[in-house]
N, C-alpha and C. Protein backbone atom coordinates (compact mmCIF):
# COMPACT_ATOMS: atom_id res chain seq x y z
N MET A 1 277.67 18.39 -80.39
CA MET A 1 276.75 17.44 -79.75
C MET A 1 275.38 17.47 -80.44
N ILE A 2 274.86 16.30 -80.71
CA ILE A 2 273.57 16.18 -81.36
C ILE A 2 272.50 15.90 -80.32
N ALA A 3 271.44 16.67 -80.35
CA ALA A 3 270.33 16.50 -79.41
C ALA A 3 269.38 15.43 -79.92
N LEU A 4 269.16 14.40 -79.12
CA LEU A 4 268.20 13.35 -79.42
C LEU A 4 266.97 13.58 -78.56
N ILE A 5 265.89 13.95 -79.18
CA ILE A 5 264.70 14.36 -78.43
C ILE A 5 263.87 13.14 -78.06
N ASP A 6 263.67 12.96 -76.77
CA ASP A 6 262.89 11.84 -76.24
C ASP A 6 261.54 12.35 -75.78
N TYR A 7 260.49 12.07 -76.55
CA TYR A 7 259.13 12.47 -76.16
C TYR A 7 258.27 11.25 -75.91
N GLN A 8 258.94 10.17 -75.46
CA GLN A 8 258.27 8.94 -75.05
C GLN A 8 257.52 8.28 -76.21
N ALA A 9 258.10 8.36 -77.41
CA ALA A 9 257.47 7.72 -78.58
C ALA A 9 258.42 6.69 -79.16
N GLY A 10 258.78 5.71 -78.35
CA GLY A 10 259.62 4.64 -78.84
C GLY A 10 260.90 4.48 -78.04
N ASN A 11 261.49 3.31 -78.18
CA ASN A 11 262.75 3.00 -77.52
C ASN A 11 263.90 3.60 -78.30
N LEU A 12 264.69 4.45 -77.65
CA LEU A 12 265.76 5.15 -78.35
C LEU A 12 267.10 4.45 -78.25
N THR A 13 267.15 3.31 -77.58
CA THR A 13 268.43 2.64 -77.35
C THR A 13 269.15 2.33 -78.65
N SER A 14 268.42 1.78 -79.65
CA SER A 14 269.06 1.40 -80.90
C SER A 14 269.51 2.63 -81.69
N VAL A 15 268.79 3.74 -81.56
CA VAL A 15 269.21 4.98 -82.22
C VAL A 15 270.52 5.47 -81.62
N ARG A 16 270.61 5.45 -80.31
CA ARG A 16 271.85 5.86 -79.64
C ARG A 16 273.02 4.99 -80.07
N LYS A 17 272.79 3.68 -80.14
CA LYS A 17 273.86 2.75 -80.52
C LYS A 17 274.33 3.01 -81.95
N ALA A 18 273.40 3.32 -82.84
CA ALA A 18 273.77 3.57 -84.23
C ALA A 18 274.62 4.83 -84.35
N PHE A 19 274.25 5.88 -83.65
CA PHE A 19 275.06 7.10 -83.70
C PHE A 19 276.41 6.88 -83.04
N ALA A 20 276.44 6.09 -81.96
CA ALA A 20 277.71 5.78 -81.31
C ALA A 20 278.62 5.01 -82.26
N ALA A 21 278.03 4.13 -83.08
CA ALA A 21 278.81 3.32 -84.02
C ALA A 21 279.52 4.17 -85.07
N ILE A 22 278.98 5.35 -85.34
CA ILE A 22 279.64 6.22 -86.33
C ILE A 22 280.42 7.35 -85.65
N GLY A 23 280.57 7.25 -84.33
CA GLY A 23 281.38 8.20 -83.59
C GLY A 23 280.73 9.53 -83.29
N ALA A 24 279.40 9.58 -83.33
CA ALA A 24 278.69 10.84 -83.05
C ALA A 24 278.29 10.89 -81.58
N ASP A 25 278.38 12.07 -81.00
CA ASP A 25 278.03 12.28 -79.60
C ASP A 25 276.60 12.80 -79.50
N LEU A 26 275.79 12.12 -78.69
CA LEU A 26 274.41 12.52 -78.47
C LEU A 26 274.20 12.96 -77.03
N TYR A 27 273.20 13.81 -76.84
CA TYR A 27 272.74 14.10 -75.48
C TYR A 27 271.22 14.22 -75.51
N ASP A 28 270.60 14.04 -74.36
CA ASP A 28 269.15 14.11 -74.24
C ASP A 28 268.75 15.44 -73.63
N PRO A 29 268.21 16.35 -74.42
CA PRO A 29 267.77 17.63 -73.86
C PRO A 29 266.56 17.44 -72.96
N ALA A 30 266.65 17.96 -71.74
CA ALA A 30 265.55 17.82 -70.79
C ALA A 30 264.50 18.90 -70.97
N THR A 31 264.91 20.07 -71.47
CA THR A 31 264.01 21.19 -71.68
C THR A 31 264.31 21.80 -73.04
N PRO A 32 263.39 22.57 -73.59
CA PRO A 32 263.65 23.23 -74.87
C PRO A 32 264.90 24.10 -74.86
N ARG A 33 265.21 24.73 -73.74
CA ARG A 33 266.39 25.59 -73.67
C ARG A 33 267.68 24.80 -73.85
N ASP A 34 267.62 23.49 -73.56
CA ASP A 34 268.80 22.65 -73.71
C ASP A 34 269.21 22.48 -75.17
N LEU A 35 268.34 22.87 -76.10
CA LEU A 35 268.68 22.77 -77.52
C LEU A 35 269.66 23.85 -77.95
N GLU A 36 269.88 24.84 -77.11
CA GLU A 36 270.76 25.94 -77.48
C GLU A 36 272.19 25.48 -77.73
N ARG A 37 272.61 24.37 -77.12
CA ARG A 37 273.97 23.90 -77.32
C ARG A 37 274.07 22.78 -78.35
N ALA A 38 272.97 22.50 -79.04
CA ALA A 38 272.97 21.41 -80.02
C ALA A 38 273.62 21.85 -81.33
N SER A 39 274.42 20.95 -81.90
CA SER A 39 274.95 21.18 -83.24
C SER A 39 273.97 20.67 -84.29
N ALA A 40 273.08 19.76 -83.89
CA ALA A 40 272.04 19.22 -84.75
C ALA A 40 270.98 18.58 -83.86
N ILE A 41 269.83 18.28 -84.46
CA ILE A 41 268.70 17.72 -83.70
C ILE A 41 268.17 16.49 -84.42
N VAL A 42 267.87 15.44 -83.66
CA VAL A 42 267.24 14.24 -84.20
C VAL A 42 265.92 14.03 -83.47
N VAL A 43 264.85 13.89 -84.25
CA VAL A 43 263.52 13.60 -83.70
C VAL A 43 263.11 12.22 -84.20
N PRO A 44 263.25 11.18 -83.36
CA PRO A 44 262.84 9.84 -83.77
C PRO A 44 261.36 9.63 -83.45
N GLY A 45 260.92 8.38 -83.42
CA GLY A 45 259.55 8.13 -83.00
C GLY A 45 258.91 6.97 -83.73
N VAL A 46 258.06 6.25 -83.01
CA VAL A 46 257.21 5.21 -83.59
C VAL A 46 255.83 5.37 -82.97
N GLY A 47 254.82 4.83 -83.66
CA GLY A 47 253.48 4.88 -83.09
C GLY A 47 252.60 5.95 -83.70
N HIS A 48 251.63 6.38 -82.91
CA HIS A 48 250.56 7.27 -83.36
C HIS A 48 251.06 8.71 -83.48
N PHE A 49 250.58 9.41 -84.52
CA PHE A 49 250.98 10.80 -84.74
C PHE A 49 250.62 11.68 -83.53
N GLY A 50 249.59 11.31 -82.82
CA GLY A 50 249.19 12.09 -81.65
C GLY A 50 250.25 12.16 -80.58
N ALA A 51 251.22 11.22 -80.60
CA ALA A 51 252.30 11.26 -79.61
C ALA A 51 253.14 12.53 -79.72
N THR A 52 253.12 13.15 -80.90
CA THR A 52 253.93 14.36 -81.09
C THR A 52 253.39 15.55 -80.32
N THR A 53 252.18 15.45 -79.76
CA THR A 53 251.67 16.56 -78.95
C THR A 53 252.52 16.78 -77.70
N ALA A 54 253.31 15.78 -77.33
CA ALA A 54 254.24 15.96 -76.21
C ALA A 54 255.28 17.03 -76.52
N LEU A 55 255.51 17.26 -77.81
CA LEU A 55 256.41 18.35 -78.22
C LEU A 55 255.56 19.61 -78.28
N ASN A 56 255.44 20.25 -77.13
CA ASN A 56 254.52 21.38 -77.00
C ASN A 56 255.07 22.64 -77.65
N ARG A 57 254.38 23.75 -77.44
CA ARG A 57 254.72 25.01 -78.10
C ARG A 57 256.16 25.43 -77.84
N ASP A 58 256.65 25.21 -76.62
CA ASP A 58 258.02 25.61 -76.30
C ASP A 58 259.04 24.77 -77.07
N TRP A 59 258.79 23.47 -77.17
CA TRP A 59 259.68 22.60 -77.95
C TRP A 59 259.66 22.99 -79.43
N VAL A 60 258.47 23.22 -79.95
CA VAL A 60 258.34 23.60 -81.36
C VAL A 60 259.11 24.89 -81.63
N ALA A 61 258.95 25.88 -80.76
CA ALA A 61 259.65 27.16 -80.94
C ALA A 61 261.16 26.96 -80.89
N ALA A 62 261.63 26.14 -79.94
CA ALA A 62 263.08 25.92 -79.82
C ALA A 62 263.63 25.18 -81.02
N ILE A 63 262.90 24.20 -81.54
CA ILE A 63 263.35 23.47 -82.72
C ILE A 63 263.36 24.38 -83.93
N ARG A 64 262.31 25.18 -84.08
CA ARG A 64 262.27 26.11 -85.21
C ARG A 64 263.40 27.14 -85.14
N THR A 65 263.70 27.61 -83.95
CA THR A 65 264.81 28.56 -83.78
C THR A 65 266.13 27.91 -84.18
N SER A 66 266.34 26.67 -83.78
CA SER A 66 267.56 25.96 -84.12
C SER A 66 267.68 25.77 -85.63
N VAL A 67 266.59 25.38 -86.26
CA VAL A 67 266.60 25.18 -87.71
C VAL A 67 266.87 26.51 -88.43
N ALA A 68 266.24 27.59 -87.95
CA ALA A 68 266.45 28.90 -88.55
C ALA A 68 267.90 29.35 -88.42
N ALA A 69 268.58 28.87 -87.37
CA ALA A 69 269.98 29.21 -87.17
C ALA A 69 270.92 28.33 -88.00
N GLY A 70 270.34 27.41 -88.77
CA GLY A 70 271.14 26.59 -89.66
C GLY A 70 271.57 25.24 -89.12
N ARG A 71 271.00 24.85 -87.96
CA ARG A 71 271.36 23.55 -87.40
C ARG A 71 270.56 22.46 -88.08
N PRO A 72 271.21 21.37 -88.50
CA PRO A 72 270.50 20.29 -89.19
C PRO A 72 269.47 19.61 -88.30
N LEU A 73 268.41 19.13 -88.93
CA LEU A 73 267.32 18.43 -88.24
C LEU A 73 267.03 17.15 -89.02
N LEU A 74 266.96 16.02 -88.29
CA LEU A 74 266.62 14.74 -88.89
C LEU A 74 265.41 14.15 -88.19
N GLY A 75 264.40 13.79 -88.96
CA GLY A 75 263.24 13.08 -88.43
C GLY A 75 263.31 11.63 -88.85
N ILE A 76 263.07 10.73 -87.91
CA ILE A 76 263.10 9.29 -88.19
C ILE A 76 261.70 8.71 -87.98
N CYS A 77 261.17 8.03 -88.99
CA CYS A 77 259.87 7.37 -88.96
C CYS A 77 258.76 8.38 -88.60
N LEU A 78 258.18 8.31 -87.41
CA LEU A 78 257.19 9.29 -87.01
C LEU A 78 257.78 10.70 -87.04
N GLY A 79 259.06 10.80 -86.74
CA GLY A 79 259.74 12.10 -86.79
C GLY A 79 259.74 12.70 -88.18
N LEU A 80 259.85 11.86 -89.23
CA LEU A 80 259.73 12.38 -90.59
C LEU A 80 258.33 12.93 -90.81
N GLN A 81 257.31 12.19 -90.40
CA GLN A 81 255.93 12.64 -90.63
C GLN A 81 255.67 13.96 -89.92
N TRP A 82 256.29 14.15 -88.75
CA TRP A 82 256.08 15.38 -87.99
C TRP A 82 256.66 16.60 -88.69
N LEU A 83 257.60 16.41 -89.62
CA LEU A 83 258.16 17.53 -90.36
C LEU A 83 257.12 18.18 -91.27
N PHE A 84 256.06 17.44 -91.59
CA PHE A 84 255.04 17.91 -92.53
C PHE A 84 253.93 18.69 -91.79
N ASP A 85 252.90 19.08 -92.53
CA ASP A 85 251.84 19.90 -91.95
C ASP A 85 250.99 19.14 -90.94
N GLY A 86 250.88 17.83 -91.11
CA GLY A 86 250.06 17.05 -90.21
C GLY A 86 249.82 15.67 -90.79
N SER A 87 248.88 14.94 -90.18
CA SER A 87 248.58 13.58 -90.61
C SER A 87 247.09 13.30 -90.43
N SER A 88 246.54 12.54 -91.33
CA SER A 88 245.14 12.13 -91.19
C SER A 88 244.94 11.20 -90.00
N GLU A 89 246.04 10.69 -89.44
CA GLU A 89 245.95 9.84 -88.24
C GLU A 89 245.49 10.63 -87.03
N ALA A 90 245.84 11.91 -86.99
CA ALA A 90 245.43 12.78 -85.89
C ALA A 90 245.19 14.17 -86.47
N PRO A 91 244.05 14.37 -87.09
CA PRO A 91 243.79 15.61 -87.84
C PRO A 91 243.88 16.89 -87.02
N ASP A 92 243.66 16.80 -85.72
CA ASP A 92 243.69 18.00 -84.88
C ASP A 92 245.09 18.29 -84.33
N CYS A 93 246.05 17.47 -84.70
CA CYS A 93 247.41 17.61 -84.18
C CYS A 93 248.31 18.15 -85.29
N PRO A 94 248.76 19.39 -85.19
CA PRO A 94 249.58 19.95 -86.26
C PRO A 94 250.99 19.38 -86.27
N GLY A 95 251.57 19.32 -87.45
CA GLY A 95 252.97 18.98 -87.58
C GLY A 95 253.84 20.22 -87.45
N LEU A 96 255.12 20.04 -87.74
CA LEU A 96 256.06 21.16 -87.63
C LEU A 96 255.94 22.10 -88.82
N SER A 97 255.39 21.63 -89.93
CA SER A 97 255.16 22.43 -91.15
C SER A 97 256.44 23.00 -91.74
N LEU A 98 257.54 22.27 -91.61
CA LEU A 98 258.76 22.66 -92.30
C LEU A 98 258.73 22.16 -93.74
N LEU A 99 257.95 21.12 -93.98
CA LEU A 99 257.71 20.59 -95.33
C LEU A 99 256.21 20.58 -95.57
N SER A 100 255.82 20.78 -96.83
CA SER A 100 254.39 20.89 -97.15
C SER A 100 253.79 19.53 -97.47
N GLY A 101 252.58 19.32 -96.97
CA GLY A 101 251.86 18.09 -97.27
C GLY A 101 251.29 17.47 -96.01
N THR A 102 250.34 16.56 -96.21
CA THR A 102 249.70 15.86 -95.11
C THR A 102 249.95 14.36 -95.25
N CYS A 103 250.36 13.74 -94.17
CA CYS A 103 250.62 12.30 -94.17
C CYS A 103 249.30 11.53 -94.13
N TYR A 104 249.34 10.30 -94.61
CA TYR A 104 248.12 9.53 -94.76
C TYR A 104 248.42 8.04 -94.61
N ARG A 105 247.37 7.24 -94.44
CA ARG A 105 247.54 5.81 -94.24
C ARG A 105 247.73 5.09 -95.57
N LEU A 106 248.65 4.15 -95.59
CA LEU A 106 248.83 3.30 -96.76
C LEU A 106 247.54 2.53 -97.04
N THR A 107 247.17 2.44 -98.32
CA THR A 107 245.97 1.69 -98.67
C THR A 107 246.22 0.72 -99.81
N GLY A 108 247.12 1.04 -100.73
CA GLY A 108 247.30 0.22 -101.91
C GLY A 108 246.13 0.41 -102.86
N SER A 109 245.97 -0.52 -103.79
CA SER A 109 244.87 -0.43 -104.75
C SER A 109 243.90 -1.59 -104.53
N ALA A 110 242.78 -1.52 -105.20
CA ALA A 110 241.75 -2.55 -105.04
C ALA A 110 242.25 -3.92 -105.52
N THR A 111 243.20 -3.92 -106.45
CA THR A 111 243.70 -5.19 -107.00
C THR A 111 244.99 -5.64 -106.34
N ASP A 112 245.50 -4.86 -105.41
CA ASP A 112 246.79 -5.17 -104.80
C ASP A 112 246.62 -5.23 -103.29
N ALA A 113 246.33 -6.42 -102.77
CA ALA A 113 246.13 -6.58 -101.33
C ALA A 113 247.49 -6.53 -100.63
N ILE A 114 247.64 -5.60 -99.72
CA ILE A 114 248.91 -5.44 -99.00
C ILE A 114 248.65 -5.51 -97.50
N LYS A 115 249.67 -5.89 -96.80
CA LYS A 115 249.56 -5.96 -95.35
C LYS A 115 249.92 -4.62 -94.74
N ILE A 116 249.08 -4.19 -93.81
CA ILE A 116 249.32 -2.97 -93.05
C ILE A 116 249.32 -3.36 -91.58
N PRO A 117 250.33 -3.00 -90.80
CA PRO A 117 251.44 -2.11 -91.16
C PRO A 117 252.45 -2.75 -92.11
N HIS A 118 253.18 -1.89 -92.76
CA HIS A 118 254.28 -2.29 -93.64
C HIS A 118 255.49 -2.54 -92.76
N VAL A 119 255.87 -3.81 -92.62
CA VAL A 119 256.98 -4.19 -91.75
C VAL A 119 257.97 -5.04 -92.54
N GLY A 120 259.22 -4.63 -92.53
CA GLY A 120 260.25 -5.42 -93.17
C GLY A 120 261.12 -4.60 -94.11
N TRP A 121 261.94 -5.31 -94.85
CA TRP A 121 262.90 -4.68 -95.75
C TRP A 121 262.24 -4.29 -97.06
N ASN A 122 262.66 -3.14 -97.59
CA ASN A 122 262.14 -2.67 -98.87
C ASN A 122 263.23 -1.81 -99.52
N SER A 123 263.10 -1.63 -100.81
CA SER A 123 264.15 -0.94 -101.55
C SER A 123 263.88 0.55 -101.67
N LEU A 124 264.96 1.29 -101.86
CA LEU A 124 264.91 2.73 -102.08
C LEU A 124 265.11 3.03 -103.56
N ALA A 125 264.24 3.82 -104.14
CA ALA A 125 264.44 4.33 -105.49
C ALA A 125 264.84 5.79 -105.35
N ILE A 126 266.13 6.06 -105.48
CA ILE A 126 266.63 7.42 -105.30
C ILE A 126 266.33 8.23 -106.55
N ASN A 127 265.63 9.35 -106.37
CA ASN A 127 265.17 10.11 -107.53
C ASN A 127 265.82 11.48 -107.69
N GLN A 128 266.72 11.85 -106.78
CA GLN A 128 267.48 13.08 -106.96
C GLN A 128 268.72 13.05 -106.08
N ASN A 129 269.72 13.80 -106.50
CA ASN A 129 270.95 13.89 -105.72
C ASN A 129 270.69 14.75 -104.49
N ALA A 130 271.16 14.28 -103.36
CA ALA A 130 271.05 15.03 -102.11
C ALA A 130 272.14 14.53 -101.17
N SER A 131 272.58 15.40 -100.28
CA SER A 131 273.70 15.03 -99.41
C SER A 131 273.37 13.85 -98.50
N VAL A 132 272.11 13.72 -98.09
CA VAL A 132 271.76 12.67 -97.14
C VAL A 132 271.86 11.27 -97.77
N VAL A 133 271.83 11.18 -99.10
CA VAL A 133 271.94 9.87 -99.77
C VAL A 133 273.26 9.71 -100.51
N ALA A 134 274.24 10.55 -100.22
CA ALA A 134 275.54 10.42 -100.86
C ALA A 134 276.12 9.03 -100.58
N GLY A 135 276.55 8.35 -101.62
CA GLY A 135 277.13 7.03 -101.45
C GLY A 135 276.14 5.90 -101.27
N VAL A 136 274.85 6.21 -101.37
CA VAL A 136 273.81 5.18 -101.24
C VAL A 136 273.28 4.85 -102.63
N ALA A 137 273.33 3.60 -103.00
CA ALA A 137 272.89 3.18 -104.32
C ALA A 137 271.38 3.03 -104.38
N SER A 138 270.79 3.45 -105.50
CA SER A 138 269.37 3.19 -105.71
C SER A 138 269.15 1.68 -105.72
N GLY A 139 268.11 1.23 -105.07
CA GLY A 139 267.86 -0.19 -104.92
C GLY A 139 268.31 -0.75 -103.58
N SER A 140 269.01 0.07 -102.79
CA SER A 140 269.45 -0.37 -101.47
C SER A 140 268.25 -0.72 -100.60
N GLN A 141 268.43 -1.71 -99.73
CA GLN A 141 267.36 -2.17 -98.86
C GLN A 141 267.47 -1.54 -97.48
N VAL A 142 266.32 -1.12 -96.95
CA VAL A 142 266.25 -0.55 -95.60
C VAL A 142 265.04 -1.13 -94.89
N TYR A 143 264.99 -0.95 -93.56
CA TYR A 143 263.97 -1.62 -92.74
C TYR A 143 262.86 -0.65 -92.31
N PHE A 144 261.63 -1.02 -92.64
CA PHE A 144 260.45 -0.20 -92.34
C PHE A 144 259.57 -0.87 -91.30
N THR A 145 258.86 -0.06 -90.53
CA THR A 145 257.72 -0.53 -89.74
C THR A 145 256.79 0.67 -89.52
N HIS A 146 255.70 0.72 -90.29
CA HIS A 146 254.82 1.89 -90.27
C HIS A 146 253.53 1.59 -91.00
N SER A 147 252.52 2.43 -90.75
CA SER A 147 251.25 2.35 -91.47
C SER A 147 250.95 3.64 -92.23
N PHE A 148 251.51 4.75 -91.75
CA PHE A 148 251.27 6.05 -92.36
C PHE A 148 252.53 6.52 -93.08
N VAL A 149 252.33 7.34 -94.09
CA VAL A 149 253.44 7.79 -94.94
C VAL A 149 253.29 9.27 -95.28
N ALA A 150 254.38 9.84 -95.72
CA ALA A 150 254.37 11.21 -96.24
C ALA A 150 254.21 11.16 -97.76
N PRO A 151 253.58 12.17 -98.33
CA PRO A 151 253.38 12.19 -99.78
C PRO A 151 254.70 12.43 -100.52
N VAL A 152 254.73 12.00 -101.76
CA VAL A 152 255.88 12.28 -102.63
C VAL A 152 255.75 13.73 -103.11
N THR A 153 256.75 14.53 -102.79
CA THR A 153 256.76 15.95 -103.16
C THR A 153 258.11 16.31 -103.78
N LEU A 154 258.31 17.58 -104.03
CA LEU A 154 259.59 18.04 -104.59
C LEU A 154 260.74 17.85 -103.60
N ASP A 155 260.41 17.66 -102.31
CA ASP A 155 261.44 17.44 -101.30
C ASP A 155 261.79 15.96 -101.13
N THR A 156 261.13 15.09 -101.90
CA THR A 156 261.38 13.65 -101.79
C THR A 156 262.67 13.30 -102.51
N VAL A 157 263.57 12.67 -101.79
CA VAL A 157 264.88 12.27 -102.31
C VAL A 157 264.86 10.81 -102.75
N ALA A 158 264.10 9.99 -102.06
CA ALA A 158 263.99 8.57 -102.40
C ALA A 158 262.56 8.10 -102.13
N VAL A 159 262.10 7.21 -102.98
CA VAL A 159 260.75 6.67 -102.89
C VAL A 159 260.83 5.17 -102.62
N SER A 160 259.92 4.66 -101.82
CA SER A 160 259.70 3.22 -101.69
C SER A 160 258.26 2.95 -102.05
N GLU A 161 257.94 1.67 -102.24
CA GLU A 161 256.59 1.33 -102.65
C GLU A 161 256.07 0.15 -101.83
N HIS A 162 254.87 0.32 -101.32
CA HIS A 162 254.16 -0.77 -100.63
C HIS A 162 252.69 -0.61 -100.98
N GLY A 163 252.33 -1.16 -102.11
CA GLY A 163 250.99 -0.94 -102.63
C GLY A 163 250.86 0.35 -103.41
N GLU A 164 251.65 1.33 -103.04
CA GLU A 164 251.69 2.65 -103.67
C GLU A 164 253.02 3.31 -103.32
N PRO A 165 253.49 4.24 -104.14
CA PRO A 165 254.74 4.93 -103.82
C PRO A 165 254.55 5.92 -102.68
N PHE A 166 255.60 6.06 -101.86
CA PHE A 166 255.56 7.04 -100.77
C PHE A 166 256.97 7.57 -100.54
N ALA A 167 257.06 8.67 -99.83
CA ALA A 167 258.35 9.31 -99.55
C ALA A 167 259.11 8.49 -98.51
N ALA A 168 260.26 7.93 -98.90
CA ALA A 168 261.09 7.17 -97.98
C ALA A 168 262.17 8.04 -97.36
N ILE A 169 262.68 9.00 -98.14
CA ILE A 169 263.67 9.97 -97.65
C ILE A 169 263.30 11.33 -98.20
N VAL A 170 263.36 12.34 -97.35
CA VAL A 170 263.12 13.72 -97.79
C VAL A 170 264.30 14.57 -97.34
N GLN A 171 264.54 15.62 -98.09
CA GLN A 171 265.56 16.59 -97.67
C GLN A 171 265.28 17.93 -98.34
N ARG A 172 265.33 18.96 -97.53
CA ARG A 172 265.32 20.34 -98.02
C ARG A 172 266.42 21.07 -97.27
N GLY A 173 267.52 21.32 -97.94
CA GLY A 173 268.65 21.98 -97.27
C GLY A 173 269.16 21.14 -96.12
N HIS A 174 269.15 21.71 -94.92
CA HIS A 174 269.65 21.00 -93.73
C HIS A 174 268.53 20.31 -92.94
N ILE A 175 267.34 20.19 -93.56
CA ILE A 175 266.22 19.46 -92.96
C ILE A 175 266.06 18.14 -93.71
N ALA A 176 266.07 17.03 -92.99
CA ALA A 176 265.97 15.72 -93.64
C ALA A 176 265.09 14.80 -92.81
N GLY A 177 264.60 13.76 -93.46
CA GLY A 177 263.79 12.77 -92.75
C GLY A 177 263.84 11.44 -93.48
N VAL A 178 263.71 10.37 -92.72
CA VAL A 178 263.67 9.01 -93.27
C VAL A 178 262.46 8.29 -92.68
N GLN A 179 261.67 7.62 -93.53
CA GLN A 179 260.50 6.91 -93.04
C GLN A 179 260.88 5.57 -92.41
N PHE A 180 261.99 5.02 -92.85
CA PHE A 180 262.47 3.74 -92.31
C PHE A 180 263.32 3.98 -91.06
N HIS A 181 263.86 2.89 -90.52
CA HIS A 181 264.69 2.99 -89.33
C HIS A 181 266.15 2.78 -89.71
N PRO A 182 266.93 3.84 -89.84
CA PRO A 182 268.33 3.69 -90.23
C PRO A 182 269.13 2.89 -89.21
N GLU A 183 268.71 2.96 -87.95
CA GLU A 183 269.42 2.23 -86.89
C GLU A 183 269.23 0.73 -87.00
N LYS A 184 268.27 0.30 -87.85
CA LYS A 184 268.02 -1.13 -88.06
C LYS A 184 268.29 -1.55 -89.50
N SER A 185 268.94 -0.67 -90.25
CA SER A 185 269.12 -0.88 -91.69
C SER A 185 270.56 -1.13 -92.09
N GLY A 186 271.35 -1.67 -91.19
CA GLY A 186 272.71 -2.08 -91.53
C GLY A 186 273.58 -0.93 -92.01
N GLU A 187 274.49 -1.26 -92.94
CA GLU A 187 275.46 -0.28 -93.42
C GLU A 187 274.81 0.86 -94.18
N VAL A 188 273.72 0.58 -94.87
CA VAL A 188 273.02 1.65 -95.59
C VAL A 188 272.49 2.68 -94.60
N GLY A 189 271.87 2.21 -93.53
CA GLY A 189 271.36 3.13 -92.52
C GLY A 189 272.47 3.94 -91.87
N LEU A 190 273.58 3.28 -91.56
CA LEU A 190 274.70 4.00 -90.95
C LEU A 190 275.27 5.04 -91.91
N ARG A 191 275.31 4.72 -93.19
CA ARG A 191 275.81 5.68 -94.17
C ARG A 191 274.94 6.93 -94.19
N ILE A 192 273.63 6.74 -94.13
CA ILE A 192 272.71 7.89 -94.13
C ILE A 192 272.90 8.71 -92.86
N LEU A 193 273.09 8.06 -91.72
CA LEU A 193 273.36 8.80 -90.49
C LEU A 193 274.67 9.56 -90.58
N ARG A 194 275.71 8.95 -91.17
CA ARG A 194 276.98 9.66 -91.35
C ARG A 194 276.79 10.89 -92.21
N ASN A 195 276.02 10.73 -93.29
CA ASN A 195 275.75 11.87 -94.17
C ASN A 195 275.06 13.00 -93.42
N PHE A 196 274.11 12.64 -92.55
CA PHE A 196 273.45 13.66 -91.75
C PHE A 196 274.43 14.36 -90.82
N VAL A 197 275.26 13.59 -90.15
CA VAL A 197 276.23 14.17 -89.22
C VAL A 197 277.17 15.13 -89.95
N GLU A 198 277.48 14.83 -91.19
CA GLU A 198 278.38 15.70 -91.96
C GLU A 198 277.74 17.05 -92.30
N LEU A 199 276.42 17.15 -92.12
CA LEU A 199 275.77 18.45 -92.30
C LEU A 199 276.07 19.41 -91.16
N THR A 200 276.49 18.87 -90.01
CA THR A 200 276.68 19.72 -88.82
C THR A 200 277.94 20.56 -88.94
């Protein structure tokens, strides 16, 4: 059973439907102790980084314990950003610090006027082999809606560009994250979710 963490940062209905479409069983943990029976954890989310403060010290400890025990963790959109040290959107709000770096707002360049938030379909440039992108072709289109991004680091598996390059998919071992919404990204999104489930 995969734990889908609901911290009131977005509608989870489409995420549940996407996992159901690939035959994965989800449950909603009511307390941090409920993570003890999880085979994997998904942290979704949309909106302001400050919303992650709802995941208090007990939740953070339980998630870290699960990850240390080898259970896969997937962050979606805001959930990906929370995997990092923090975000300039809420400087006093720490991230999970499983990946190094600070998230920041998209700006583009002085000669490239871009719309923020970045909403719509964009392509993935896959830059390294990783299990979460198995069977996904570089250039595949996925659906984004966000203003803040994670930096491109050694853990970046795929990059997208909106005025500037940013981390679209990250993975370090059994820890993964996607900046886009796989539940709204058709067959490509479902393939990435299947790949994550296969980590369990």
